[in-house]
Amino acid sequence: MDRMQLKAMAKINLGLDVLRRREDGYHEVRMVMQTVHIFDQLQLEKRREEGIFVRTNLYYLPENENNLVYKAAKILREEFQLTGGIAIYLKKYIPVAAGMAGGSSDAAAVLFGMNRMYDLGLSMEELMERGVKIGADVPYCIMRGTALAEGIGEILSPLPPMPPCTILVAKPGIGVSTRFVFENLKANELENHPNIDGMVDALGSHDLRALAGCMDPGNVLETVTIPAYPVIQKLKNIMMDCGALTALMSGSGPTVFGIFESRQAAKRAYGTLKRGHLAKQVYLTTPYNRK
């Protein structure tokens, strides 16, 4: 197999709790992760010429070792002493620096694809062990679906699939630094925490309304981002006013998503957001569940 086409899928955080800041500087988290049908497209191609060659459709993305797809390819090339080169063509559709794990998902796709192309024989667990060296979200992006993430995000437990619904995703035209968010988070002073256990129970009973009811407050990082970027709260308010069961920021932001029982209501909210120009990118999507 000399060429392969892959989809790298985005994620949202149905719940994101930070338990404490560890002595090593990392934050201990507890999150419910969900893959959605928004994806980047990658093409992997073997080359005779030695090296790793990265091309993207966005001029501002690095095409060297600063891109996570390059790091993923390098890990496997060095470990297995692969000869020849690998070309990676990346078309980005997942919003960049948006709290949707786009870069991590791209890296996960490269690990998965090269494992197949070069017949390396690595299991999903072995790919995940390599993925965490690239980033804490990469193991989840290899697993996909609905999962509980603990530790720094690398301890994963599969959960029952999210009930059918329509998810509206809106990315405002701002960037939020993950480092800024965690440096300004007062993890040890948080008073309100999301009901992660309630979310897990609601997924077990396949109850969308119960799941949504456990998601407020659903993301403790909003305590940092909303005061700094009020547009995030405005997007949440619009979605709720348009009939969302709940609306939440994903990851460290600034992307906001709303969960809708009614696709028609979600479409109306989509139109409202497009006309309001508060969001630079707006998507209607659905949960992705593992087969």
Protein backbone atom coordinates (compact mmCIF):
# COMPACT_ATOMS: atom_id res chain seq x y z
CA MET A 1 0.00 0.00 0.00
CA ASP A 2 1.77 3.15 -1.24
CA ARG A 3 -1.03 5.71 -0.80
CA MET A 4 -3.85 6.16 1.69
CA GLN A 5 -6.71 8.63 2.22
CA LEU A 6 -7.76 9.32 5.82
CA LYS A 7 -10.24 11.41 7.80
CA ALA A 8 -9.11 13.09 11.02
CA MET A 9 -12.21 13.82 13.07
CA ALA A 10 -12.84 16.66 15.51
CA LYS A 11 -13.90 16.34 19.15
CA ILE A 12 -15.93 18.34 21.62
CA ASN A 13 -15.90 18.16 25.41
CA LEU A 14 -19.33 17.32 26.78
CA GLY A 15 -17.84 17.92 30.20
CA LEU A 16 -14.46 19.25 31.32
CA ASP A 17 -13.43 19.35 34.96
CA VAL A 18 -10.02 20.23 36.37
CA LEU A 19 -9.41 18.52 39.69
CA ARG A 20 -6.10 20.06 40.65
CA ARG A 21 -2.80 21.39 39.45
CA ARG A 22 -0.12 18.75 39.92
CA GLU A 23 3.38 19.37 41.24
CA ASP A 24 4.80 18.69 37.77
CA GLY A 25 2.77 21.60 36.37
CA TYR A 26 0.20 19.48 34.57
CA HIS A 27 -3.47 19.65 35.48
CA GLU A 28 -5.40 16.57 36.50
CA VAL A 29 -8.64 16.49 34.53
CA ARG A 30 -11.85 14.53 34.20
CA MET A 31 -13.61 14.92 30.87
CA VAL A 32 -16.32 13.38 28.71
CA MET A 33 -15.08 13.45 25.13
CA GLN A 34 -17.18 13.11 21.98
CA THR A 35 -16.13 12.80 18.33
CA VAL A 36 -18.22 14.74 15.79
CA HIS A 37 -18.57 14.55 12.00
CA ILE A 38 -16.27 17.47 11.21
CA PHE A 39 -12.99 16.28 9.76
CA ASP A 40 -9.70 17.12 8.07
CA GLN A 41 -8.60 15.11 5.05
CA LEU A 42 -5.15 13.59 4.82
CA GLN A 43 -3.34 11.74 2.07
CA LEU A 44 -0.26 9.71 2.91
CA GLU A 45 2.07 8.70 0.11
CA LYS A 46 5.33 6.75 0.16
CA ARG A 47 8.33 8.42 -1.51
CA ARG A 48 11.65 7.03 -2.70
CA GLU A 49 13.36 10.18 -1.46
CA GLU A 50 14.26 10.01 2.23
CA GLY A 51 12.46 12.34 4.62
CA ILE A 52 9.09 13.64 5.77
CA PHE A 53 7.29 16.04 3.43
CA VAL A 54 4.26 17.98 4.71
CA ARG A 55 1.92 20.18 2.64
CA THR A 56 -1.23 21.92 3.88
CA ASN A 57 -3.98 24.09 2.38
CA LEU A 58 -3.47 26.85 4.99
CA TYR A 59 -0.49 29.15 4.45
CA TYR A 60 0.00 29.85 8.16
CA LEU A 61 0.38 26.22 9.27
CA PRO A 62 3.93 24.92 9.72
CA GLU A 63 5.12 22.25 7.31
CA ASN A 64 8.08 21.12 9.42
CA GLU A 65 8.67 19.49 12.82
CA ASN A 66 6.40 22.10 14.42
CA ASN A 67 3.39 20.37 12.86
CA LEU A 68 2.05 17.41 14.85
CA VAL A 69 1.66 15.29 11.70
CA TYR A 70 5.41 15.61 11.14
CA LYS A 71 6.09 14.57 14.75
CA ALA A 72 3.82 11.52 14.38
CA ALA A 73 5.58 10.37 11.21
CA LYS A 74 9.00 10.95 12.78
CA ILE A 75 8.19 8.79 15.81
CA LEU A 76 7.32 5.76 13.68
CA ARG A 77 10.09 6.29 11.10
CA GLU A 78 12.75 6.40 13.80
CA GLU A 79 11.38 3.56 15.94
CA PHE A 80 10.98 1.15 13.01
CA GLN A 81 13.91 2.48 10.94
CA LEU A 82 11.64 2.96 7.93
CA THR A 83 13.42 3.63 4.65
CA GLY A 84 12.29 5.99 1.93
CA GLY A 85 10.13 9.00 2.58
CA ILE A 86 6.55 9.81 3.49
CA ALA A 87 4.57 12.70 2.02
CA ILE A 88 1.61 14.03 4.02
CA TYR A 89 -0.98 16.22 2.29
CA LEU A 90 -3.29 17.86 4.84
CA LYS A 91 -6.54 19.66 4.04
CA LYS A 92 -7.78 21.49 7.14
CA TYR A 93 -11.50 21.91 7.79
CA ILE A 94 -11.53 21.58 11.59
CA PRO A 95 -11.13 25.09 13.04
CA VAL A 96 -7.52 25.76 14.07
CA ALA A 97 -6.65 26.51 17.72
CA ALA A 98 -10.31 26.03 18.58
CA GLY A 99 -10.47 23.46 21.38
CA MET A 100 -11.52 20.70 18.94
CA ALA A 101 -8.25 18.68 18.87
CA GLY A 102 -7.70 19.23 15.14
CA GLY A 103 -3.92 18.94 15.31
CA SER A 104 -4.08 15.96 17.66
CA SER A 105 -6.57 14.22 15.36
CA ASP A 106 -4.31 14.81 12.36
CA ALA A 107 -1.40 13.24 14.26
CA ALA A 108 -3.59 10.29 15.26
CA ALA A 109 -4.55 9.73 11.61
CA VAL A 110 -0.88 9.68 10.58
CA LEU A 111 -0.05 7.09 13.27
CA PHE A 112 -3.01 4.95 12.20
CA GLY A 113 -2.26 5.31 8.50
CA MET A 114 1.46 4.59 8.68
CA ASN A 115 0.79 1.55 10.87
CA ARG A 116 -1.35 0.18 8.04
CA MET A 117 0.83 1.31 5.12
CA TYR A 118 4.03 -0.14 6.55
CA ASP A 119 2.37 -3.17 8.15
CA LEU A 120 3.87 -2.34 11.55
CA GLY A 121 1.39 -4.51 13.44
CA LEU A 122 0.74 -2.06 16.29
CA SER A 123 -2.48 -2.48 18.26
CA MET A 124 -4.71 0.50 19.07
CA GLU A 125 -3.30 0.52 22.61
CA GLU A 126 0.27 0.55 21.27
CA LEU A 127 -0.58 3.43 18.92
CA MET A 128 -2.07 5.32 21.87
CA GLU A 129 1.13 4.80 23.89
CA ARG A 130 3.06 6.50 21.11
CA GLY A 131 0.42 9.16 20.62
CA VAL A 132 0.64 10.52 24.17
CA LYS A 133 4.26 11.48 23.44
CA ILE A 134 2.88 13.94 20.88
CA GLY A 135 0.01 15.34 22.91
CA ALA A 136 -2.47 14.43 25.64
CA ASP A 137 -5.45 14.39 23.21
CA VAL A 138 -3.81 12.13 20.61
CA PRO A 139 -4.68 8.81 22.34
CA TYR A 140 -8.35 9.81 22.46
CA CYS A 141 -8.26 10.81 18.79
CA ILE A 142 -7.02 7.31 17.98
CA MET A 143 -9.85 5.75 20.03
CA ARG A 144 -12.65 8.14 18.93
CA GLY A 145 -16.30 7.95 19.94
CA THR A 146 -17.56 8.71 23.46
CA ALA A 147 -15.05 8.33 26.29
CA LEU A 148 -14.17 9.34 29.82
CA ALA A 149 -10.69 10.90 29.95
CA GLU A 150 -8.76 11.17 33.21
CA GLY A 151 -5.22 11.87 34.39
CA ILE A 152 -3.89 14.55 32.03
CA GLY A 153 -6.36 13.21 29.46
CA GLU A 154 -4.49 10.05 28.54
CA ILE A 155 -6.39 7.56 30.78
CA LEU A 156 -9.37 6.61 28.63
CA SER A 157 -12.49 4.55 29.30
CA PRO A 158 -14.98 3.94 26.47
CA LEU A 159 -18.53 5.06 27.26
CA PRO A 160 -21.91 4.19 25.71
CA PRO A 161 -22.55 6.25 22.56
CA MET A 162 -24.11 9.69 22.71
CA PRO A 163 -27.83 9.64 21.83
CA PRO A 164 -28.76 10.92 18.35
CA CYS A 165 -28.96 14.71 18.16
CA THR A 166 -27.85 17.68 16.08
CA ILE A 167 -24.81 19.62 17.24
CA LEU A 168 -24.25 23.23 16.21
CA VAL A 169 -20.61 24.34 16.32
CA ALA A 170 -19.50 27.97 16.16
CA LYS A 171 -15.92 29.28 16.16
CA PRO A 172 -15.56 33.04 16.66
CA GLY A 173 -12.82 34.89 14.82
CA ILE A 174 -10.44 34.93 17.78
CA GLY A 175 -7.70 32.66 19.02
CA VAL A 176 -7.33 31.50 22.61
CA SER A 177 -4.03 30.31 24.00
CA THR A 178 -4.36 27.05 25.92
CA ARG A 179 -1.36 28.09 27.99
CA PHE A 180 -3.05 31.39 28.89
CA VAL A 181 -6.19 29.57 30.01
CA PHE A 182 -4.45 27.03 32.25
CA GLU A 183 -2.01 29.58 33.67
CA ASN A 184 -4.93 31.75 34.75
CA LEU A 185 -7.16 28.93 35.98
CA LYS A 186 -7.45 28.87 39.77
CA ALA A 187 -7.90 25.11 39.84
CA ASN A 188 -7.75 24.79 43.61
CA GLU A 189 -10.37 27.51 44.14
CA LEU A 190 -13.10 26.23 41.80
CA GLU A 191 -16.46 26.02 43.56
CA ASN A 192 -18.69 24.66 40.78
CA HIS A 193 -17.79 21.45 38.99
CA PRO A 194 -19.60 19.65 36.17
CA ASN A 195 -21.50 16.49 37.04
CA ILE A 196 -19.25 14.07 35.17
CA ASP A 197 -20.69 11.01 36.95
CA GLY A 198 -24.20 12.17 36.02
CA MET A 199 -23.15 12.45 32.38
CA VAL A 200 -21.77 8.93 32.45
CA ASP A 201 -25.05 7.64 33.95
CA ALA A 202 -27.12 9.55 31.34
CA LEU A 203 -25.07 8.04 28.53
CA GLY A 204 -25.66 4.62 30.06
CA SER A 205 -29.43 5.19 30.01
CA HIS A 206 -29.28 6.77 26.55
CA ASP A 207 -31.03 9.89 27.85
CA LEU A 208 -30.12 13.05 25.90
CA ARG A 209 -32.08 15.44 28.12
CA ALA A 210 -30.52 14.01 31.29
CA LEU A 211 -27.09 14.32 29.69
CA ALA A 212 -27.71 17.97 28.82
CA GLY A 213 -29.01 18.61 32.32
CA CYS A 214 -25.71 17.47 33.82
CA MET A 215 -23.68 19.79 31.57
CA ASP A 216 -24.18 23.06 33.47
CA PRO A 217 -21.63 24.22 34.44
CA GLY A 218 -19.92 21.86 32.04
CA ASN A 219 -16.49 23.34 31.39
CA VAL A 220 -14.53 24.93 34.24
CA LEU A 221 -12.17 26.63 31.77
CA GLU A 222 -15.00 29.03 30.94
CA THR A 223 -14.20 30.76 34.25
CA VAL A 224 -11.08 32.08 32.49
CA THR A 225 -12.16 32.44 28.86
CA ILE A 226 -15.57 34.11 29.18
CA PRO A 227 -14.32 37.12 31.22
CA ALA A 228 -11.47 37.52 28.71
CA TYR A 229 -13.58 36.86 25.59
CA PRO A 230 -17.25 37.80 26.13
CA VAL A 231 -18.18 36.66 22.61
CA ILE A 232 -18.12 33.09 23.93
CA GLN A 233 -21.03 33.82 26.30
CA LYS A 234 -22.88 35.63 23.50
CA LEU A 235 -22.67 32.55 21.29
CA LYS A 236 -23.90 30.35 24.12
CA ASN A 237 -26.84 32.69 24.73
CA ILE A 238 -27.87 32.69 21.07
CA MET A 239 -27.87 28.89 20.95
CA MET A 240 -29.93 28.62 24.13
CA ASP A 241 -32.39 31.27 22.90
CA CYS A 242 -32.79 29.23 19.69
CA GLY A 243 -33.75 26.06 21.57
CA ALA A 244 -30.52 24.27 22.45
CA LEU A 245 -30.79 21.85 25.36
CA THR A 246 -27.43 23.20 26.47
CA ALA A 247 -24.51 25.17 25.04
CA LEU A 248 -20.90 24.91 26.12
CA MET A 249 -17.37 25.87 25.20
CA SER A 250 -15.20 23.01 23.95
CA GLY A 251 -11.74 22.49 25.42
CA SER A 252 -9.89 25.71 26.13
CA GLY A 253 -12.02 27.46 23.51
CA PRO A 254 -13.05 29.57 21.85
CA THR A 255 -15.38 27.16 19.98
CA VAL A 256 -18.92 26.89 21.35
CA PHE A 257 -21.33 24.03 20.63
CA GLY A 258 -25.03 23.58 21.26
CA ILE A 259 -26.95 20.31 21.53
CA PHE A 260 -30.36 20.23 19.83
CA GLU A 261 -33.09 17.59 19.84
CA SER A 262 -34.70 19.28 16.82
CA ARG A 263 -32.67 19.57 13.63
CA GLN A 264 -35.01 22.33 12.47
CA ALA A 265 -34.25 24.37 15.58
CA ALA A 266 -30.55 23.79 15.00
CA LYS A 267 -30.89 25.01 11.41
CA ARG A 268 -32.64 28.17 12.59
CA ALA A 269 -29.86 28.77 15.12
CA TYR A 270 -27.31 28.19 12.33
CA GLY A 271 -28.99 30.89 10.27
CA THR A 272 -29.07 33.29 13.21
CA LEU A 273 -25.36 32.82 13.83
CA LYS A 274 -24.47 33.25 10.16
CA ARG A 275 -26.45 36.49 9.95
CA GLY A 276 -25.05 37.81 13.23
CA HIS A 277 -21.37 37.54 12.19
CA LEU A 278 -20.27 36.64 15.73
CA ALA A 279 -18.79 33.38 14.47
CA LYS A 280 -16.25 33.00 11.69
CA GLN A 281 -16.99 29.29 11.14
CA VAL A 282 -20.35 27.62 11.77
CA TYR A 283 -21.16 23.91 11.31
CA LEU A 284 -24.13 21.62 11.73
CA THR A 285 -22.99 18.14 12.64
CA THR A 286 -23.86 14.96 14.55
CA PRO A 287 -22.09 12.68 17.03
CA TYR A 288 -19.72 10.06 15.65
CA ASN A 289 -19.97 6.72 17.40
CA ARG A 290 -17.59 3.79 17.19
CA LYS A 291 -18.84 0.88 15.15
